[in-house]
């Protein structure tokens, strides 16, 4: 199991579920997409709005890049992201 440190959030990417109903400004429409992810771990140094197990939406560049670090553990894609890249929780 991977544990977040400092003010990081570790998410498990669900790349099979791309979100289509989010309105994105025209000037970034071709460069941004929204991806569903599951929160795996939150760092101890910040009072987060999300908790482990939450399904969330994160912003991601269409190139696959996010302001974060991608991790691959046992062929599963994870990402360490800052909370500012979390758009909201899926309920």
N, C-alpha and C. Protein backbone atom coordinates (compact mmCIF):
# COMPACT_ATOMS: atom_id res chain seq x y z
N UNK A 1 0.84 -1.18 0.00
CA UNK A 1 0.00 0.00 0.00
C UNK A 1 0.88 1.24 0.00
N UNK A 2 0.47 2.25 -0.73
CA UNK A 2 1.21 3.49 -0.80
C UNK A 2 0.53 4.52 0.11
N UNK A 3 1.33 5.28 0.85
CA UNK A 3 0.82 6.30 1.77
C UNK A 3 1.31 7.66 1.33
N UNK A 4 0.42 8.63 1.30
CA UNK A 4 0.77 10.00 0.94
C UNK A 4 1.55 10.65 2.08
N UNK A 5 2.42 11.57 1.71
CA UNK A 5 3.16 12.35 2.70
C UNK A 5 2.89 13.83 2.47
N UNK A 6 3.24 14.64 3.46
CA UNK A 6 3.09 16.10 3.39
C UNK A 6 1.66 16.48 3.01
N UNK A 7 1.51 17.26 1.93
CA UNK A 7 0.17 17.71 1.53
C UNK A 7 -0.26 17.07 0.21
N UNK A 8 0.17 15.85 -0.02
CA UNK A 8 -0.17 15.13 -1.26
C UNK A 8 -1.43 14.29 -1.09
N UNK A 9 -2.08 14.03 -2.23
CA UNK A 9 -3.20 13.10 -2.30
C UNK A 9 -2.81 12.03 -3.32
N UNK A 10 -2.89 10.77 -2.95
CA UNK A 10 -2.62 9.67 -3.88
C UNK A 10 -3.96 9.17 -4.38
N UNK A 11 -4.11 9.11 -5.71
CA UNK A 11 -5.34 8.62 -6.31
C UNK A 11 -5.04 7.47 -7.25
N UNK A 12 -6.00 6.58 -7.37
CA UNK A 12 -5.93 5.49 -8.35
C UNK A 12 -6.78 5.92 -9.53
N UNK A 13 -6.16 6.03 -10.70
CA UNK A 13 -6.86 6.53 -11.88
C UNK A 13 -7.82 5.49 -12.44
N UNK A 14 -8.98 5.94 -12.83
CA UNK A 14 -9.97 5.11 -13.49
C UNK A 14 -10.08 5.63 -14.91
N UNK A 15 -9.12 5.26 -15.75
CA UNK A 15 -9.04 5.83 -17.10
C UNK A 15 -10.12 5.30 -18.03
N UNK A 16 -10.87 4.31 -17.60
CA UNK A 16 -11.96 3.83 -18.45
C UNK A 16 -13.19 4.72 -18.30
N UNK A 17 -13.18 5.58 -17.29
CA UNK A 17 -14.34 6.45 -17.07
C UNK A 17 -13.93 7.91 -17.23
N UNK A 18 -14.05 8.42 -18.42
CA UNK A 18 -13.80 9.82 -18.71
C UNK A 18 -15.12 10.57 -18.58
N UNK A 19 -15.10 11.70 -17.97
CA UNK A 19 -16.32 12.46 -17.72
C UNK A 19 -16.57 13.40 -18.89
N UNK A 20 -17.78 13.39 -19.41
CA UNK A 20 -18.11 14.16 -20.60
C UNK A 20 -18.95 15.40 -20.30
N UNK A 21 -19.66 15.46 -19.19
CA UNK A 21 -20.64 16.52 -18.95
C UNK A 21 -20.10 17.70 -18.15
N UNK A 22 -18.82 17.94 -18.19
CA UNK A 22 -18.23 19.09 -17.52
C UNK A 22 -17.99 20.17 -18.56
N UNK A 23 -18.40 21.40 -18.27
CA UNK A 23 -18.18 22.50 -19.21
C UNK A 23 -16.77 23.04 -19.00
N UNK A 24 -16.00 23.04 -20.07
CA UNK A 24 -14.61 23.50 -20.04
C UNK A 24 -14.50 24.69 -20.99
N UNK A 25 -13.86 25.79 -20.56
CA UNK A 25 -13.72 26.95 -21.44
C UNK A 25 -13.06 26.58 -22.77
N UNK A 26 -13.48 27.27 -23.85
CA UNK A 26 -12.98 26.98 -25.19
C UNK A 26 -11.46 27.07 -25.31
N UNK A 27 -10.84 28.00 -24.57
CA UNK A 27 -9.39 28.18 -24.71
C UNK A 27 -8.58 27.02 -24.14
N UNK A 28 -9.19 26.13 -23.36
CA UNK A 28 -8.46 24.96 -22.86
C UNK A 28 -9.13 23.64 -23.24
N UNK A 29 -10.21 23.72 -24.00
CA UNK A 29 -11.00 22.53 -24.33
C UNK A 29 -10.17 21.43 -24.98
N UNK A 30 -9.23 21.78 -25.83
CA UNK A 30 -8.43 20.77 -26.51
C UNK A 30 -7.24 20.29 -25.69
N UNK A 31 -7.02 20.89 -24.54
CA UNK A 31 -5.86 20.50 -23.75
C UNK A 31 -6.23 19.86 -22.40
N UNK A 32 -7.50 19.96 -21.98
CA UNK A 32 -7.89 19.43 -20.67
C UNK A 32 -9.00 18.40 -20.81
N UNK A 33 -9.01 17.44 -19.91
CA UNK A 33 -10.11 16.50 -19.79
C UNK A 33 -10.31 16.23 -18.31
N UNK A 34 -11.38 15.55 -17.98
CA UNK A 34 -11.68 15.23 -16.60
C UNK A 34 -11.70 13.72 -16.46
N UNK A 35 -11.03 13.22 -15.43
CA UNK A 35 -10.90 11.77 -15.22
C UNK A 35 -11.38 11.45 -13.81
N UNK A 36 -12.09 10.34 -13.68
CA UNK A 36 -12.51 9.87 -12.36
C UNK A 36 -11.36 9.12 -11.72
N UNK A 37 -11.21 9.30 -10.42
CA UNK A 37 -10.15 8.62 -9.66
C UNK A 37 -10.69 8.28 -8.28
N UNK A 38 -10.01 7.36 -7.61
CA UNK A 38 -10.37 7.00 -6.24
C UNK A 38 -9.24 7.43 -5.32
N UNK A 39 -9.58 8.12 -4.24
CA UNK A 39 -8.57 8.55 -3.28
C UNK A 39 -8.07 7.33 -2.51
N UNK A 40 -6.77 7.11 -2.58
CA UNK A 40 -6.14 5.97 -1.90
C UNK A 40 -5.55 6.41 -0.56
N UNK A 41 -4.99 7.61 -0.54
CA UNK A 41 -4.33 8.09 0.67
C UNK A 41 -4.24 9.61 0.63
N UNK A 42 -4.35 10.25 1.79
CA UNK A 42 -4.15 11.69 1.89
C UNK A 42 -3.02 11.95 2.88
N UNK A 43 -2.25 12.98 2.59
CA UNK A 43 -1.13 13.32 3.46
C UNK A 43 -1.59 13.83 4.82
N UNK A 44 -0.73 13.76 5.82
CA UNK A 44 -1.10 14.12 7.18
C UNK A 44 -1.04 15.62 7.48
N UNK A 45 -0.54 16.41 6.56
CA UNK A 45 -0.23 17.81 6.88
C UNK A 45 -1.28 18.83 6.46
N UNK A 46 -2.51 18.41 6.18
CA UNK A 46 -3.47 19.37 5.65
C UNK A 46 -4.88 18.88 5.93
N UNK A 47 -5.82 19.76 6.26
CA UNK A 47 -7.23 19.32 6.46
C UNK A 47 -7.96 19.22 5.12
N UNK A 48 -7.94 18.07 4.51
CA UNK A 48 -8.48 17.87 3.17
C UNK A 48 -10.00 17.84 3.15
N UNK A 49 -10.56 18.18 1.98
CA UNK A 49 -11.99 18.06 1.73
C UNK A 49 -12.35 16.63 1.31
N UNK A 50 -11.36 15.84 0.93
CA UNK A 50 -11.60 14.47 0.48
C UNK A 50 -10.98 13.50 1.47
N UNK A 51 -11.47 12.26 1.45
CA UNK A 51 -10.91 11.24 2.34
C UNK A 51 -10.69 9.95 1.54
N UNK A 52 -9.96 9.04 2.13
CA UNK A 52 -9.68 7.77 1.48
C UNK A 52 -10.99 7.07 1.11
N UNK A 53 -11.03 6.53 -0.11
CA UNK A 53 -12.21 5.84 -0.60
C UNK A 53 -13.14 6.71 -1.42
N UNK A 54 -12.99 8.04 -1.33
CA UNK A 54 -13.84 8.93 -2.13
C UNK A 54 -13.56 8.76 -3.61
N UNK A 55 -14.62 8.81 -4.41
CA UNK A 55 -14.48 8.88 -5.87
C UNK A 55 -14.47 10.36 -6.20
N UNK A 56 -13.47 10.79 -6.96
CA UNK A 56 -13.33 12.21 -7.27
C UNK A 56 -13.10 12.42 -8.76
N UNK A 57 -13.23 13.65 -9.19
CA UNK A 57 -12.88 14.04 -10.54
C UNK A 57 -11.64 14.90 -10.46
N UNK A 58 -10.66 14.61 -11.33
CA UNK A 58 -9.46 15.43 -11.38
C UNK A 58 -9.27 15.95 -12.80
N UNK A 59 -8.65 17.11 -12.88
CA UNK A 59 -8.28 17.67 -14.18
C UNK A 59 -7.04 16.96 -14.68
N UNK A 60 -7.00 16.73 -15.98
CA UNK A 60 -5.83 16.11 -16.58
C UNK A 60 -5.67 16.67 -17.99
N UNK A 61 -4.45 16.94 -18.38
CA UNK A 61 -4.20 17.38 -19.74
C UNK A 61 -4.47 16.23 -20.69
N UNK A 62 -4.90 16.53 -21.93
CA UNK A 62 -5.20 15.46 -22.89
C UNK A 62 -3.95 14.66 -23.22
N UNK A 63 -2.80 15.22 -22.96
CA UNK A 63 -1.56 14.47 -23.18
C UNK A 63 -1.36 13.41 -22.11
N UNK A 64 -2.26 13.41 -21.08
CA UNK A 64 -2.13 12.45 -20.00
C UNK A 64 -1.41 13.01 -18.80
N UNK A 65 -0.93 14.23 -18.91
CA UNK A 65 -0.18 14.84 -17.82
C UNK A 65 -1.10 15.60 -16.87
N UNK A 66 -0.76 15.62 -15.63
CA UNK A 66 -1.43 16.40 -14.60
C UNK A 66 -0.34 17.05 -13.78
N UNK A 67 -0.71 18.08 -13.04
CA UNK A 67 0.25 18.66 -12.10
C UNK A 67 0.41 17.64 -10.98
N UNK A 68 1.14 16.62 -11.23
CA UNK A 68 1.36 15.57 -10.26
C UNK A 68 2.33 14.55 -10.82
N UNK A 69 2.55 13.53 -10.07
CA UNK A 69 3.51 12.50 -10.48
C UNK A 69 2.75 11.19 -10.65
N UNK A 70 2.90 10.59 -11.82
CA UNK A 70 2.24 9.31 -12.08
C UNK A 70 3.11 8.19 -11.52
N UNK A 71 2.45 7.23 -10.89
CA UNK A 71 3.11 6.06 -10.32
C UNK A 71 2.45 4.81 -10.88
N UNK A 72 3.23 3.80 -11.21
CA UNK A 72 2.67 2.53 -11.64
C UNK A 72 3.18 1.46 -10.69
N UNK A 73 2.24 0.84 -9.98
CA UNK A 73 2.58 -0.20 -9.01
C UNK A 73 1.75 -1.42 -9.34
N UNK A 74 2.39 -2.54 -9.62
CA UNK A 74 1.70 -3.78 -10.01
C UNK A 74 0.72 -3.53 -11.16
N UNK A 75 1.16 -2.79 -12.17
CA UNK A 75 0.39 -2.47 -13.37
C UNK A 75 -0.87 -1.63 -13.10
N UNK A 76 -0.97 -1.00 -11.95
CA UNK A 76 -2.08 -0.11 -11.63
C UNK A 76 -1.54 1.31 -11.62
N UNK A 77 -2.27 2.24 -12.31
CA UNK A 77 -1.82 3.63 -12.38
C UNK A 77 -2.35 4.42 -11.19
N UNK A 78 -1.43 5.05 -10.50
CA UNK A 78 -1.74 5.96 -9.40
C UNK A 78 -1.16 7.32 -9.76
N UNK A 79 -1.62 8.33 -9.06
CA UNK A 79 -1.06 9.65 -9.26
C UNK A 79 -1.05 10.39 -7.93
N UNK A 80 0.02 11.13 -7.71
CA UNK A 80 0.11 12.02 -6.56
C UNK A 80 -0.27 13.40 -7.06
N UNK A 81 -1.33 13.99 -6.50
CA UNK A 81 -1.82 15.29 -6.96
C UNK A 81 -2.05 16.22 -5.78
N UNK A 82 -2.05 17.51 -6.07
CA UNK A 82 -2.43 18.51 -5.08
C UNK A 82 -3.94 18.64 -5.07
N UNK A 83 -4.48 19.04 -3.94
CA UNK A 83 -5.94 19.13 -3.81
C UNK A 83 -6.54 20.14 -4.80
N UNK A 84 -5.78 21.12 -5.24
CA UNK A 84 -6.32 22.11 -6.17
C UNK A 84 -6.72 21.49 -7.51
N UNK A 85 -6.22 20.30 -7.84
CA UNK A 85 -6.58 19.63 -9.10
C UNK A 85 -7.83 18.79 -8.95
N UNK A 86 -8.36 18.69 -7.74
CA UNK A 86 -9.60 17.93 -7.51
C UNK A 86 -10.77 18.86 -7.81
N UNK A 87 -11.61 18.46 -8.78
CA UNK A 87 -12.76 19.25 -9.18
C UNK A 87 -13.96 19.01 -8.29
N UNK A 88 -14.09 17.80 -7.76
CA UNK A 88 -15.21 17.50 -6.89
C UNK A 88 -15.32 16.02 -6.63
N UNK A 89 -16.25 15.67 -5.74
CA UNK A 89 -16.52 14.27 -5.39
C UNK A 89 -17.66 13.75 -6.25
N UNK A 90 -17.61 12.45 -6.57
CA UNK A 90 -18.68 11.79 -7.29
C UNK A 90 -19.52 11.08 -6.24
N UNK A 91 -20.81 11.37 -6.24
CA UNK A 91 -21.69 10.76 -5.23
C UNK A 91 -22.69 9.84 -5.87
